[in-house]
Amino acid sequence: MKWYIVIVGVIFVAALIYSSFRQSVVRVEACIDFHGRTHCAEASGQTRAEAIRSAEEIDCEMLANGRDENIVCLDQQPSSVREVRSK
């Protein structure tokens, strides 16, 4: 029973390490123009679409006032998107 617990623990730690290395596959910088202001944010994700959406959420959080404006901001396409190389 003791060995079973150790083996399960090692498998869990290995899976955790593996998933943390796979998490940030794509990194982008996206810029949003909203109400005459622009904000650019970097974000990462497993796919390009996930990374862009994360960056948009950061941008809109900085530009919008309140939930309603945030929803409107998130419906807009980014004014620019570029891939960022890992450092």
Protein backbone atom coordinates (compact mmCIF):
# COMPACT_ATOMS: atom_id res chain seq x y z
CA MET A 1 0.00 0.00 0.00
CA LYS A 2 2.86 2.37 0.82
CA TRP A 3 4.46 1.85 -2.62
CA TYR A 4 1.10 2.44 -4.30
CA ILE A 5 0.82 5.86 -2.66
CA VAL A 6 4.39 6.76 -3.65
CA ILE A 7 3.82 5.71 -7.28
CA VAL A 8 0.57 7.67 -7.53
CA GLY A 9 2.31 10.70 -6.03
CA VAL A 10 5.17 10.51 -8.53
CA ILE A 11 2.72 10.20 -11.45
CA PHE A 12 0.75 13.19 -10.17
CA VAL A 13 3.88 15.37 -9.85
CA ALA A 14 5.08 14.30 -13.33
CA ALA A 15 1.68 15.17 -14.84
CA LEU A 16 1.71 18.54 -13.10
CA ILE A 17 5.18 19.38 -14.41
CA TYR A 18 4.28 18.23 -17.93
CA SER A 19 1.10 20.31 -18.04
CA SER A 20 2.86 23.43 -16.74
CA PHE A 21 5.45 23.24 -19.54
CA ARG A 22 2.77 22.76 -22.21
CA GLN A 23 0.59 25.60 -20.94
CA SER A 24 2.26 28.55 -22.66
CA VAL A 25 2.67 27.44 -26.24
CA VAL A 26 1.68 30.65 -28.05
CA ARG A 27 2.37 34.20 -26.86
CA VAL A 28 0.87 37.27 -28.54
CA GLU A 29 0.49 40.99 -28.05
CA ALA A 30 -2.94 42.35 -28.97
CA CYS A 31 -4.00 46.00 -29.05
CA ILE A 32 -7.58 47.26 -28.67
CA ASP A 33 -8.89 50.73 -29.59
CA PHE A 34 -11.92 51.66 -27.49
CA HIS A 35 -13.50 55.11 -27.00
CA GLY A 36 -10.44 56.85 -28.44
CA ARG A 37 -7.97 55.06 -26.20
CA THR A 38 -5.61 52.21 -27.04
CA HIS A 39 -4.18 49.51 -24.81
CA CYS A 40 -1.82 46.67 -25.74
CA ALA A 41 -1.34 43.56 -23.63
CA GLU A 42 0.68 40.36 -23.90
CA ALA A 43 -0.87 37.00 -23.09
CA SER A 44 -0.24 33.33 -23.74
CA GLY A 45 -2.36 30.28 -24.40
CA GLN A 46 -2.33 26.82 -25.85
CA THR A 47 -3.67 28.16 -29.16
CA ARG A 48 -3.33 31.50 -30.92
CA ALA A 49 -7.06 32.18 -30.44
CA GLU A 50 -6.82 31.58 -26.68
CA ALA A 51 -3.81 33.88 -26.39
CA ILE A 52 -5.56 36.64 -28.36
CA ARG A 53 -8.72 36.34 -26.26
CA SER A 54 -6.70 36.57 -23.05
CA ALA A 55 -4.93 39.69 -24.28
CA GLU A 56 -8.28 41.22 -25.33
CA GLU A 57 -9.68 40.59 -21.86
CA ILE A 58 -6.71 42.37 -20.29
CA ASP A 59 -7.05 45.30 -22.71
CA CYS A 60 -10.77 45.70 -22.14
CA GLU A 61 -10.31 45.49 -18.38
CA MET A 62 -8.03 48.52 -18.62
CA LEU A 63 -10.14 50.51 -21.13
CA ALA A 64 -13.77 49.85 -20.20
CA ASN A 65 -15.75 51.38 -17.35
CA GLY A 66 -18.14 48.82 -15.99
CA ARG A 67 -19.53 45.52 -17.15
CA ASP A 68 -21.61 46.86 -20.06
CA GLU A 69 -18.66 48.66 -21.66
CA ASN A 70 -16.48 45.61 -21.06
CA ILE A 71 -18.90 43.44 -23.05
CA VAL A 72 -18.96 45.96 -25.90
CA CYS A 73 -15.16 46.19 -25.86
CA LEU A 74 -14.76 42.41 -26.00
CA ASP A 75 -16.96 42.29 -29.12
CA GLN A 76 -14.44 44.40 -31.05
CA GLN A 77 -11.63 42.98 -33.13
CA PRO A 78 -8.11 43.92 -32.02
CA SER A 79 -6.51 46.75 -33.99
CA SER A 80 -3.26 44.77 -34.12
CA VAL A 81 -1.96 41.35 -33.13
CA ARG A 82 1.64 40.18 -33.23
CA GLU A 83 3.38 37.05 -32.02
CA VAL A 84 5.88 37.54 -29.22
CA ARG A 85 8.93 35.32 -28.96
CA SER A 86 9.62 33.65 -25.64
CA LYS A 87 12.37 35.23 -23.62
